[in-house]
C-alpha cells in the first residue's frame, strides 16, 4: 500500500492493509476456498469491494495497492497504482512484472527503469479512491519453493538504482540512499 499526497491517504492505506488481511483470514476461516488462482481472484475482488464501501464511509484520500496470495504453486497479484511486484534473483536483481498504472506508462509497454526517468510516472492513473469501485489488474506468476518476490512502493523501484535495490533486499539493515519518496518493500520467499 502506498498512499498518495492527498489528505487522508496514509490512513487510508493503513486501513486497507489491515482490513484486507483481517477480511481474507476471516473469509478463509469461514470456509471460503482459496485453493485456485480463480478462487483467490474472486475472493480478493469481493474483499476489495467490501473494503471500499467500509473505508470510504469515514476516510478520504487515495492509495495504490498491491496484494499477493500464493496458492498451489502460483502467486496471484491484485493491484492498482504504482506499487510493483518482481522476482529477485540470487544476486538481488529484480525482474518487475506488474506494469504501473501511471501516465508515463499509458501504453503499458515501458520498463520500470524507463519509467523511473519519466516525471509523468508520478501521475497515477488508477488507485483506490472514493469515486470509483476497485478495478484491480490480476496477474499470476509461478511461485515454486525457493522463489523470491519483492513487493515495493514506487520510491523503491523508481528512486533506487538496480544495484541499490539489490543491496537493500540483500542487506535490509544497511543504509538506504536518501530519496524524495518513501522506500518500502516486502521480501517474500516461497
N, C-alpha and C. Protein backbone atom coordinates (compact mmCIF):
# COMPACT_ATOMS: atom_id res chain seq x y z
N UNK A 1 0.84 -1.16 0.00
CA UNK A 1 0.00 0.00 0.00
C UNK A 1 0.89 1.23 0.00
N UNK A 2 0.47 2.24 -0.72
CA UNK A 2 1.24 3.48 -0.79
C UNK A 2 0.26 4.62 -0.98
N UNK A 3 -0.02 5.36 0.09
CA UNK A 3 -0.93 6.49 0.00
C UNK A 3 -0.34 7.59 -0.86
N UNK A 4 -1.21 8.35 -1.50
CA UNK A 4 -0.77 9.47 -2.33
C UNK A 4 -0.59 10.69 -1.44
N UNK A 5 -0.32 11.84 -2.05
CA UNK A 5 -0.12 13.07 -1.29
C UNK A 5 -1.44 13.72 -0.86
N UNK A 6 -2.57 13.16 -1.28
CA UNK A 6 -3.87 13.74 -0.90
C UNK A 6 -4.11 13.52 0.59
N UNK A 7 -4.79 14.48 1.24
CA UNK A 7 -5.07 14.34 2.68
C UNK A 7 -5.80 13.03 2.99
N UNK A 8 -5.38 12.38 4.05
CA UNK A 8 -6.02 11.14 4.49
C UNK A 8 -5.49 9.89 3.84
N UNK A 9 -4.60 10.01 2.88
CA UNK A 9 -4.15 8.85 2.10
C UNK A 9 -3.33 7.86 2.92
N UNK A 10 -2.52 8.35 3.84
CA UNK A 10 -1.74 7.45 4.68
C UNK A 10 -2.63 6.58 5.55
N UNK A 11 -3.65 7.19 6.15
CA UNK A 11 -4.59 6.44 6.98
C UNK A 11 -5.40 5.47 6.13
N UNK A 12 -5.75 5.89 4.92
CA UNK A 12 -6.49 5.01 4.01
C UNK A 12 -5.65 3.78 3.67
N UNK A 13 -4.39 3.97 3.34
CA UNK A 13 -3.51 2.85 3.00
C UNK A 13 -3.38 1.89 4.19
N UNK A 14 -3.21 2.44 5.38
CA UNK A 14 -3.09 1.60 6.57
C UNK A 14 -4.39 0.85 6.83
N UNK A 15 -5.52 1.52 6.70
CA UNK A 15 -6.82 0.87 6.90
C UNK A 15 -7.07 -0.23 5.89
N UNK A 16 -6.67 0.01 4.64
CA UNK A 16 -6.83 -1.00 3.59
C UNK A 16 -5.97 -2.23 3.90
N UNK A 17 -4.72 -2.01 4.26
CA UNK A 17 -3.83 -3.15 4.56
C UNK A 17 -4.38 -3.98 5.70
N UNK A 18 -4.74 -3.34 6.78
CA UNK A 18 -5.27 -4.07 7.93
C UNK A 18 -6.59 -4.76 7.59
N UNK A 19 -7.46 -4.05 6.87
CA UNK A 19 -8.76 -4.60 6.53
C UNK A 19 -8.69 -5.79 5.59
N UNK A 20 -7.82 -5.73 4.59
CA UNK A 20 -7.69 -6.84 3.64
C UNK A 20 -7.18 -8.09 4.36
N UNK A 21 -6.17 -7.94 5.19
CA UNK A 21 -5.64 -9.10 5.92
C UNK A 21 -6.71 -9.70 6.82
N UNK A 22 -7.37 -8.84 7.58
CA UNK A 22 -8.42 -9.31 8.50
C UNK A 22 -9.55 -10.01 7.74
N UNK A 23 -10.01 -9.39 6.64
CA UNK A 23 -11.13 -9.95 5.87
C UNK A 23 -10.73 -11.26 5.19
N UNK A 24 -9.51 -11.33 4.66
CA UNK A 24 -9.07 -12.55 3.99
C UNK A 24 -9.04 -13.71 4.98
N UNK A 25 -8.41 -13.49 6.13
CA UNK A 25 -8.32 -14.53 7.14
C UNK A 25 -9.71 -14.94 7.63
N UNK A 26 -10.59 -13.98 7.81
CA UNK A 26 -11.95 -14.27 8.27
C UNK A 26 -12.71 -15.09 7.24
N UNK A 27 -12.60 -14.72 5.97
CA UNK A 27 -13.29 -15.46 4.90
C UNK A 27 -12.80 -16.90 4.83
N UNK A 28 -11.50 -17.10 4.90
CA UNK A 28 -10.94 -18.45 4.83
C UNK A 28 -11.37 -19.25 6.07
N UNK A 29 -11.36 -18.62 7.24
CA UNK A 29 -11.79 -19.31 8.46
C UNK A 29 -13.26 -19.73 8.39
N UNK A 30 -14.04 -18.97 7.62
CA UNK A 30 -15.47 -19.28 7.46
C UNK A 30 -15.73 -20.22 6.29
N UNK A 31 -14.68 -20.75 5.69
CA UNK A 31 -14.84 -21.76 4.66
C UNK A 31 -14.64 -21.31 3.23
N UNK A 32 -14.27 -20.04 3.01
CA UNK A 32 -14.00 -19.60 1.63
C UNK A 32 -12.84 -20.40 1.07
N UNK A 33 -12.95 -20.81 -0.17
CA UNK A 33 -11.93 -21.63 -0.82
C UNK A 33 -10.96 -20.73 -1.58
N UNK A 34 -9.68 -20.85 -1.27
CA UNK A 34 -8.66 -20.10 -2.00
C UNK A 34 -7.60 -21.03 -2.58
N UNK A 35 -8.06 -22.20 -3.00
CA UNK A 35 -7.11 -23.22 -3.47
C UNK A 35 -6.78 -23.11 -4.95
N UNK A 36 -7.40 -22.20 -5.67
CA UNK A 36 -7.05 -22.00 -7.07
C UNK A 36 -6.91 -20.50 -7.33
N UNK A 37 -6.15 -20.12 -8.34
CA UNK A 37 -6.00 -18.69 -8.65
C UNK A 37 -7.34 -18.02 -8.96
N UNK A 38 -8.25 -18.73 -9.59
CA UNK A 38 -9.56 -18.16 -9.90
C UNK A 38 -10.33 -17.85 -8.62
N UNK A 39 -10.24 -18.77 -7.65
CA UNK A 39 -10.94 -18.55 -6.37
C UNK A 39 -10.28 -17.42 -5.58
N UNK A 40 -8.96 -17.34 -5.63
CA UNK A 40 -8.25 -16.24 -4.98
C UNK A 40 -8.71 -14.92 -5.58
N UNK A 41 -8.78 -14.85 -6.91
CA UNK A 41 -9.20 -13.62 -7.58
C UNK A 41 -10.62 -13.24 -7.17
N UNK A 42 -11.51 -14.19 -7.15
CA UNK A 42 -12.90 -13.92 -6.76
C UNK A 42 -12.96 -13.43 -5.31
N UNK A 43 -12.22 -14.07 -4.44
CA UNK A 43 -12.20 -13.69 -3.03
C UNK A 43 -11.64 -12.28 -2.86
N UNK A 44 -10.53 -11.97 -3.52
CA UNK A 44 -9.94 -10.64 -3.41
C UNK A 44 -10.87 -9.57 -3.98
N UNK A 45 -11.52 -9.85 -5.10
CA UNK A 45 -12.46 -8.88 -5.66
C UNK A 45 -13.55 -8.54 -4.66
N UNK A 46 -14.13 -9.57 -4.04
CA UNK A 46 -15.19 -9.35 -3.06
C UNK A 46 -14.70 -8.56 -1.86
N UNK A 47 -13.52 -8.90 -1.37
CA UNK A 47 -12.96 -8.19 -0.22
C UNK A 47 -12.71 -6.73 -0.56
N UNK A 48 -12.16 -6.46 -1.74
CA UNK A 48 -11.87 -5.07 -2.13
C UNK A 48 -13.15 -4.25 -2.25
N UNK A 49 -14.20 -4.83 -2.80
CA UNK A 49 -15.48 -4.12 -2.90
C UNK A 49 -16.01 -3.81 -1.50
N UNK A 50 -15.98 -4.80 -0.61
CA UNK A 50 -16.43 -4.58 0.77
C UNK A 50 -15.57 -3.54 1.48
N UNK A 51 -14.26 -3.63 1.32
CA UNK A 51 -13.36 -2.68 1.97
C UNK A 51 -13.59 -1.26 1.44
N UNK A 52 -13.83 -1.13 0.15
CA UNK A 52 -14.09 0.18 -0.44
C UNK A 52 -15.29 0.82 0.24
N UNK A 53 -16.34 0.05 0.37
CA UNK A 53 -17.58 0.55 0.99
C UNK A 53 -17.30 0.95 2.45
N UNK A 54 -16.59 0.11 3.18
CA UNK A 54 -16.31 0.39 4.59
C UNK A 54 -15.37 1.58 4.78
N UNK A 55 -14.29 1.61 4.03
CA UNK A 55 -13.28 2.64 4.22
C UNK A 55 -13.78 4.03 3.89
N UNK A 56 -14.55 4.16 2.83
CA UNK A 56 -14.92 5.49 2.40
C UNK A 56 -16.17 6.03 3.10
N UNK A 57 -16.66 5.32 4.11
CA UNK A 57 -17.72 5.92 4.93
C UNK A 57 -17.12 6.97 5.86
N UNK A 58 -15.83 6.83 6.21
CA UNK A 58 -15.22 7.82 7.12
C UNK A 58 -13.77 8.16 6.76
N UNK A 59 -13.30 7.76 5.59
CA UNK A 59 -11.92 8.04 5.19
C UNK A 59 -11.91 8.87 3.91
N UNK A 60 -10.78 9.52 3.70
CA UNK A 60 -10.56 10.27 2.45
C UNK A 60 -9.22 9.83 1.89
N UNK A 61 -8.89 10.37 0.73
CA UNK A 61 -7.59 10.11 0.13
C UNK A 61 -7.66 9.07 -0.97
N UNK A 62 -6.49 8.72 -1.46
CA UNK A 62 -6.34 7.68 -2.48
C UNK A 62 -5.09 6.88 -2.15
N UNK A 63 -5.06 5.64 -2.61
CA UNK A 63 -3.88 4.82 -2.34
C UNK A 63 -3.65 3.81 -3.45
N UNK A 64 -2.40 3.60 -3.76
CA UNK A 64 -2.02 2.47 -4.61
C UNK A 64 -1.97 1.25 -3.72
N UNK A 65 -2.23 0.09 -4.31
CA UNK A 65 -2.13 -1.13 -3.52
C UNK A 65 -1.68 -2.28 -4.40
N UNK A 66 -1.07 -3.26 -3.76
CA UNK A 66 -0.66 -4.49 -4.41
C UNK A 66 -0.81 -5.60 -3.38
N UNK A 67 -1.60 -6.60 -3.72
CA UNK A 67 -1.89 -7.70 -2.80
C UNK A 67 -1.46 -8.99 -3.48
N UNK A 68 -0.74 -9.83 -2.78
CA UNK A 68 -0.31 -11.11 -3.33
C UNK A 68 -0.77 -12.26 -2.47
N UNK A 69 -1.26 -13.32 -3.12
CA UNK A 69 -1.67 -14.55 -2.43
C UNK A 69 -1.03 -15.72 -3.17
N UNK A 70 -0.29 -16.55 -2.43
CA UNK A 70 0.32 -17.74 -3.01
C UNK A 70 -0.58 -18.94 -2.73
N UNK A 71 -0.87 -19.70 -3.78
CA UNK A 71 -1.71 -20.89 -3.66
C UNK A 71 -1.40 -21.84 -4.80
N UNK A 72 -1.21 -23.10 -4.47
CA UNK A 72 -1.00 -24.14 -5.48
C UNK A 72 0.17 -23.82 -6.42
N UNK A 73 1.24 -23.28 -5.88
CA UNK A 73 2.43 -23.01 -6.68
C UNK A 73 2.35 -21.79 -7.58
N UNK A 74 1.33 -20.96 -7.37
CA UNK A 74 1.19 -19.72 -8.14
C UNK A 74 1.01 -18.54 -7.20
N UNK A 75 1.57 -17.40 -7.58
CA UNK A 75 1.32 -16.15 -6.88
C UNK A 75 0.29 -15.39 -7.69
N UNK A 76 -0.83 -15.03 -7.06
CA UNK A 76 -1.84 -14.19 -7.69
C UNK A 76 -1.68 -12.79 -7.11
N UNK A 77 -1.52 -11.80 -7.98
CA UNK A 77 -1.32 -10.42 -7.56
C UNK A 77 -2.49 -9.59 -8.06
N UNK A 78 -3.07 -8.80 -7.15
CA UNK A 78 -4.10 -7.82 -7.49
C UNK A 78 -3.51 -6.44 -7.20
N UNK A 79 -3.63 -5.51 -8.16
CA UNK A 79 -3.04 -4.20 -7.90
C UNK A 79 -3.69 -3.10 -8.72
N UNK A 80 -3.60 -1.90 -8.16
CA UNK A 80 -3.95 -0.66 -8.84
C UNK A 80 -2.93 0.38 -8.39
N UNK A 81 -2.41 1.14 -9.32
CA UNK A 81 -1.47 2.19 -8.96
C UNK A 81 -0.05 1.86 -9.34
N UNK A 82 0.88 2.39 -8.55
CA UNK A 82 2.29 2.28 -8.92
C UNK A 82 3.14 1.44 -7.96
N UNK A 83 2.51 0.65 -7.11
CA UNK A 83 3.27 -0.35 -6.37
C UNK A 83 3.63 -1.45 -7.36
N UNK A 84 4.69 -2.17 -7.09
CA UNK A 84 5.15 -3.17 -8.05
C UNK A 84 5.57 -4.46 -7.37
N UNK A 85 5.52 -5.54 -8.15
CA UNK A 85 5.97 -6.85 -7.69
C UNK A 85 6.97 -7.38 -8.71
N UNK A 86 8.02 -7.97 -8.20
CA UNK A 86 9.03 -8.55 -9.07
C UNK A 86 9.64 -9.78 -8.46
N UNK A 87 10.34 -10.54 -9.30
CA UNK A 87 11.07 -11.72 -8.84
C UNK A 87 12.54 -11.34 -8.70
N UNK A 88 13.11 -11.69 -7.55
CA UNK A 88 14.51 -11.38 -7.30
C UNK A 88 15.36 -12.62 -7.55
N UNK A 89 16.45 -12.42 -8.25
CA UNK A 89 17.41 -13.49 -8.46
C UNK A 89 18.32 -13.65 -7.25
N UNK A 90 19.18 -14.63 -7.29
CA UNK A 90 20.12 -14.87 -6.18
C UNK A 90 21.02 -13.67 -5.93
N UNK A 91 21.28 -12.89 -6.97
CA UNK A 91 22.14 -11.71 -6.83
C UNK A 91 21.38 -10.49 -6.34
N UNK A 92 20.05 -10.61 -6.19
CA UNK A 92 19.24 -9.48 -5.73
C UNK A 92 18.67 -8.63 -6.85
N UNK A 93 19.08 -8.89 -8.09
CA UNK A 93 18.49 -8.13 -9.20
C UNK A 93 17.03 -8.55 -9.36
N UNK A 94 16.17 -7.56 -9.60
CA UNK A 94 14.73 -7.79 -9.60
C UNK A 94 14.17 -7.63 -11.00
N UNK A 95 13.37 -8.60 -11.41
CA UNK A 95 12.64 -8.54 -12.68
C UNK A 95 11.19 -8.19 -12.34
N UNK A 96 10.82 -6.92 -12.56
CA UNK A 96 9.47 -6.44 -12.23
C UNK A 96 8.48 -6.95 -13.26
N UNK A 97 7.31 -7.41 -12.81
CA UNK A 97 6.32 -7.93 -13.77
C UNK A 97 4.95 -7.28 -13.66
N UNK A 98 4.78 -6.27 -12.83
CA UNK A 98 3.49 -5.57 -12.75
C UNK A 98 3.66 -4.18 -13.36
N UNK A 99 3.11 -3.93 -14.54
CA UNK A 99 3.24 -2.61 -15.15
C UNK A 99 2.47 -1.55 -14.34
N UNK A 100 3.13 -0.49 -13.88
CA UNK A 100 2.46 0.54 -13.09
C UNK A 100 1.36 1.25 -13.86
N UNK A 101 0.33 1.65 -13.13
CA UNK A 101 -0.76 2.45 -13.70
C UNK A 101 -0.39 3.92 -13.53
N UNK A 102 0.28 4.47 -14.51
CA UNK A 102 0.67 5.87 -14.45
C UNK A 102 0.66 6.46 -15.86
N UNK A 103 0.58 7.79 -15.90
CA UNK A 103 0.50 8.47 -17.19
C UNK A 103 1.70 8.15 -18.08
N UNK A 104 2.86 7.98 -17.50
CA UNK A 104 4.06 7.68 -18.30
C UNK A 104 4.00 6.30 -18.93
N UNK A 105 3.10 5.46 -18.46
CA UNK A 105 3.00 4.09 -18.96
C UNK A 105 1.62 3.81 -19.53
N UNK A 106 1.04 4.80 -20.18
CA UNK A 106 -0.33 4.65 -20.67
C UNK A 106 -0.48 3.53 -21.67
N UNK A 107 0.59 3.19 -22.39
CA UNK A 107 0.54 2.05 -23.32
C UNK A 107 0.87 0.74 -22.63
N UNK A 108 1.35 0.83 -21.39
CA UNK A 108 1.73 -0.35 -20.59
C UNK A 108 2.85 -1.14 -21.27
N UNK A 109 3.79 -0.42 -21.86
CA UNK A 109 4.85 -1.09 -22.61
C UNK A 109 6.26 -0.65 -22.19
N UNK A 110 6.38 0.07 -21.09
CA UNK A 110 7.69 0.58 -20.68
C UNK A 110 8.20 -0.16 -19.45
N UNK A 111 9.50 -0.32 -19.40
CA UNK A 111 10.11 -1.00 -18.25
C UNK A 111 10.09 -0.07 -17.04
N UNK A 112 10.25 -0.66 -15.88
CA UNK A 112 10.32 0.13 -14.66
C UNK A 112 11.51 1.09 -14.70
N UNK A 113 12.63 0.66 -15.24
CA UNK A 113 13.81 1.53 -15.33
C UNK A 113 13.51 2.73 -16.23
N UNK A 114 12.83 2.52 -17.37
CA UNK A 114 12.45 3.64 -18.24
C UNK A 114 11.50 4.59 -17.51
N UNK A 115 10.52 4.03 -16.82
CA UNK A 115 9.54 4.85 -16.12
C UNK A 115 10.18 5.67 -15.01
N UNK A 116 11.19 5.12 -14.37
CA UNK A 116 11.86 5.82 -13.27
C UNK A 116 12.42 7.17 -13.72
N UNK A 117 12.76 7.28 -15.00
CA UNK A 117 13.35 8.51 -15.53
C UNK A 117 12.32 9.51 -16.02
N UNK A 118 11.05 9.14 -16.04
CA UNK A 118 9.99 9.98 -16.59
C UNK A 118 9.16 10.60 -15.46
N UNK A 119 9.14 11.93 -15.34
CA UNK A 119 8.37 12.57 -14.27
C UNK A 119 6.87 12.24 -14.30
N UNK A 120 6.35 11.86 -15.45
CA UNK A 120 4.92 11.52 -15.55
C UNK A 120 4.60 10.21 -14.83
N UNK A 121 5.61 9.50 -14.34
CA UNK A 121 5.34 8.28 -13.57
C UNK A 121 4.64 8.62 -12.26
N UNK A 122 4.78 9.86 -11.81
CA UNK A 122 4.14 10.28 -10.56
C UNK A 122 2.66 10.60 -10.73
N UNK A 123 2.16 10.59 -11.95
CA UNK A 123 0.74 10.83 -12.21
C UNK A 123 0.05 9.48 -12.31
N UNK A 124 -0.45 9.00 -11.19
CA UNK A 124 -1.08 7.68 -11.10
C UNK A 124 -2.45 7.74 -11.76
N UNK A 125 -2.73 6.78 -12.63
CA UNK A 125 -3.99 6.78 -13.38
C UNK A 125 -5.05 5.87 -12.79
N UNK A 126 -4.66 4.95 -11.93
CA UNK A 126 -5.61 4.07 -11.25
C UNK A 126 -5.16 3.88 -9.81
N UNK A 127 -6.12 3.92 -8.90
CA UNK A 127 -5.83 3.71 -7.49
C UNK A 127 -7.16 3.48 -6.77
N UNK A 128 -7.07 3.14 -5.50
CA UNK A 128 -8.28 3.03 -4.69
C UNK A 128 -8.71 4.45 -4.34
N UNK A 129 -9.92 4.80 -4.73
CA UNK A 129 -10.44 6.14 -4.46
C UNK A 129 -11.95 6.06 -4.25
N UNK A 130 -12.50 7.07 -3.61
CA UNK A 130 -13.93 7.06 -3.25
C UNK A 130 -14.83 7.08 -4.47
N UNK A 131 -14.41 7.73 -5.54
CA UNK A 131 -15.28 7.95 -6.70
C UNK A 131 -15.35 6.79 -7.69
N UNK A 132 -14.64 5.71 -7.41
CA UNK A 132 -14.62 4.60 -8.36
C UNK A 132 -14.48 3.28 -7.61
N UNK A 133 -15.26 2.31 -8.04
CA UNK A 133 -15.17 0.97 -7.44
C UNK A 133 -13.80 0.37 -7.75
N UNK A 134 -13.28 -0.47 -6.87
CA UNK A 134 -11.99 -1.11 -7.14
C UNK A 134 -12.04 -1.89 -8.46
N UNK A 135 -10.96 -1.78 -9.22
CA UNK A 135 -10.86 -2.47 -10.51
C UNK A 135 -9.42 -2.93 -10.71
N UNK A 136 -8.97 -3.86 -9.87
CA UNK A 136 -7.56 -4.25 -9.95
C UNK A 136 -7.24 -5.08 -11.19
N UNK A 137 -6.00 -4.95 -11.63
CA UNK A 137 -5.46 -5.91 -12.58
C UNK A 137 -5.02 -7.12 -11.77
N UNK A 138 -5.20 -8.30 -12.35
CA UNK A 138 -4.75 -9.54 -11.72
C UNK A 138 -3.69 -10.17 -12.61
N UNK A 139 -2.58 -10.54 -12.01
CA UNK A 139 -1.52 -11.25 -12.71
C UNK A 139 -1.17 -12.49 -11.91
N UNK A 140 -0.74 -13.50 -12.62
CA UNK A 140 -0.31 -14.74 -11.96
C UNK A 140 1.11 -15.04 -12.37
N UNK A 141 1.86 -15.55 -11.41
CA UNK A 141 3.27 -15.85 -11.64
C UNK A 141 3.57 -17.19 -10.97
N UNK A 142 4.28 -18.08 -11.66
CA UNK A 142 4.69 -19.32 -10.99
C UNK A 142 5.48 -18.99 -9.72
N UNK A 143 5.21 -19.75 -8.66
CA UNK A 143 5.85 -19.49 -7.38
C UNK A 143 6.31 -20.78 -6.72
N UNK A 144 7.23 -21.50 -7.39
CA UNK A 144 7.72 -22.73 -6.76
C UNK A 144 8.55 -22.41 -5.52
N UNK A 145 8.74 -23.42 -4.68
CA UNK A 145 9.56 -23.26 -3.48
C UNK A 145 10.91 -22.67 -3.87
N UNK A 146 11.37 -21.72 -3.09
CA UNK A 146 12.65 -21.07 -3.36
C UNK A 146 12.54 -19.77 -4.13
N UNK A 147 11.38 -19.50 -4.73
CA UNK A 147 11.20 -18.25 -5.47
C UNK A 147 11.18 -17.08 -4.49
N UNK A 148 11.79 -15.99 -4.90
CA UNK A 148 11.85 -14.79 -4.06
C UNK A 148 11.14 -13.65 -4.77
N UNK A 149 10.12 -13.11 -4.12
CA UNK A 149 9.36 -11.98 -4.66
C UNK A 149 9.62 -10.74 -3.83
N UNK A 150 9.57 -9.58 -4.49
CA UNK A 150 9.69 -8.30 -3.81
C UNK A 150 8.44 -7.49 -4.14
N UNK A 151 7.73 -7.04 -3.10
CA UNK A 151 6.58 -6.14 -3.23
C UNK A 151 7.10 -4.77 -2.82
N UNK A 152 6.90 -3.73 -3.65
CA UNK A 152 7.55 -2.45 -3.35
C UNK A 152 6.72 -1.25 -3.76
N UNK A 153 6.97 -0.15 -3.06
CA UNK A 153 6.39 1.13 -3.44
C UNK A 153 7.22 1.71 -4.58
N UNK A 154 6.68 2.76 -5.21
CA UNK A 154 7.39 3.36 -6.33
C UNK A 154 8.69 4.03 -5.89
N UNK A 155 8.78 4.44 -4.64
CA UNK A 155 10.04 5.00 -4.16
C UNK A 155 11.17 3.99 -4.24
N UNK A 156 10.84 2.72 -4.02
CA UNK A 156 11.85 1.66 -4.09
C UNK A 156 12.25 1.39 -5.53
N UNK A 157 11.26 1.10 -6.41
CA UNK A 157 11.62 0.68 -7.76
C UNK A 157 12.05 1.84 -8.65
N UNK A 158 11.60 3.08 -8.35
CA UNK A 158 11.91 4.19 -9.24
C UNK A 158 13.07 5.06 -8.76
N UNK A 159 13.23 5.19 -7.46
CA UNK A 159 14.23 6.12 -6.96
C UNK A 159 15.55 5.47 -6.57
N UNK A 160 15.54 4.15 -6.43
CA UNK A 160 16.80 3.44 -6.17
C UNK A 160 17.30 2.82 -7.47
N UNK A 161 18.60 2.83 -7.67
CA UNK A 161 19.16 2.16 -8.84
C UNK A 161 19.00 0.65 -8.65
N UNK A 162 19.22 -0.09 -9.71
CA UNK A 162 19.12 -1.55 -9.61
C UNK A 162 20.10 -2.10 -8.58
N UNK A 163 21.31 -1.55 -8.53
CA UNK A 163 22.28 -2.03 -7.54
C UNK A 163 21.87 -1.64 -6.13
N UNK A 164 21.26 -0.47 -5.94
CA UNK A 164 20.77 -0.08 -4.62
C UNK A 164 19.60 -0.98 -4.18
N UNK A 165 18.74 -1.34 -5.13
CA UNK A 165 17.64 -2.26 -4.81
C UNK A 165 18.19 -3.60 -4.34
N UNK A 166 19.15 -4.14 -5.09
CA UNK A 166 19.75 -5.43 -4.73
C UNK A 166 20.41 -5.35 -3.36
N UNK A 167 21.13 -4.27 -3.10
CA UNK A 167 21.78 -4.11 -1.79
C UNK A 167 20.74 -4.03 -0.68
N UNK A 168 19.64 -3.33 -0.93
CA UNK A 168 18.60 -3.17 0.10
C UNK A 168 17.97 -4.50 0.47
N UNK A 169 17.65 -5.32 -0.53
CA UNK A 169 16.99 -6.59 -0.18
C UNK A 169 17.98 -7.62 0.36
N UNK A 170 19.24 -7.51 -0.03
CA UNK A 170 20.24 -8.46 0.46
C UNK A 170 20.83 -8.06 1.81
N UNK A 171 20.76 -6.77 2.14
CA UNK A 171 21.25 -6.26 3.42
C UNK A 171 20.23 -5.27 3.97
N UNK A 172 19.06 -5.75 4.44
CA UNK A 172 17.99 -4.84 4.86
C UNK A 172 18.36 -3.91 6.01
N UNK A 173 19.35 -4.26 6.80
CA UNK A 173 19.75 -3.40 7.91
C UNK A 173 20.74 -2.32 7.45
N UNK A 174 21.17 -2.39 6.20
CA UNK A 174 22.13 -1.42 5.69
C UNK A 174 21.52 -0.06 5.45
N UNK A 175 22.36 0.90 5.10
CA UNK A 175 21.90 2.25 4.82
C UNK A 175 21.24 2.30 3.45
N UNK A 176 20.18 3.11 3.36
CA UNK A 176 19.48 3.32 2.09
C UNK A 176 19.75 4.75 1.65
N UNK A 177 19.96 4.94 0.38
CA UNK A 177 20.18 6.28 -0.15
C UNK A 177 19.00 7.18 0.19
N UNK A 178 19.28 8.44 0.46
CA UNK A 178 18.23 9.41 0.74
C UNK A 178 17.56 9.78 -0.58
N UNK A 179 16.25 9.58 -0.63
CA UNK A 179 15.48 9.90 -1.83
C UNK A 179 14.26 10.71 -1.41
N UNK A 180 13.53 11.25 -2.38
CA UNK A 180 12.40 12.12 -2.06
C UNK A 180 11.12 11.36 -1.73
N UNK A 181 11.03 10.09 -2.04
CA UNK A 181 9.82 9.31 -1.81
C UNK A 181 10.12 8.22 -0.78
N UNK A 182 9.06 7.65 -0.22
CA UNK A 182 9.30 6.57 0.73
C UNK A 182 9.83 5.35 -0.01
N UNK A 183 10.69 4.62 0.65
CA UNK A 183 11.31 3.42 0.09
C UNK A 183 10.88 2.25 0.96
N UNK A 184 9.84 1.55 0.51
CA UNK A 184 9.28 0.47 1.30
C UNK A 184 9.20 -0.78 0.44
N UNK A 185 9.56 -1.93 1.04
CA UNK A 185 9.47 -3.18 0.31
C UNK A 185 9.22 -4.32 1.27
N UNK A 186 8.67 -5.40 0.73
CA UNK A 186 8.48 -6.64 1.47
C UNK A 186 9.18 -7.72 0.66
N UNK A 187 10.04 -8.47 1.31
CA UNK A 187 10.81 -9.54 0.69
C UNK A 187 10.14 -10.86 1.06
N UNK A 188 9.60 -11.57 0.06
CA UNK A 188 8.83 -12.80 0.31
C UNK A 188 9.55 -13.97 -0.34
N UNK A 189 9.80 -14.99 0.44
CA UNK A 189 10.44 -16.20 -0.09
C UNK A 189 9.46 -17.36 0.02
N UNK A 190 9.27 -18.05 -1.09
CA UNK A 190 8.34 -19.18 -1.11
C UNK A 190 9.01 -20.41 -0.55
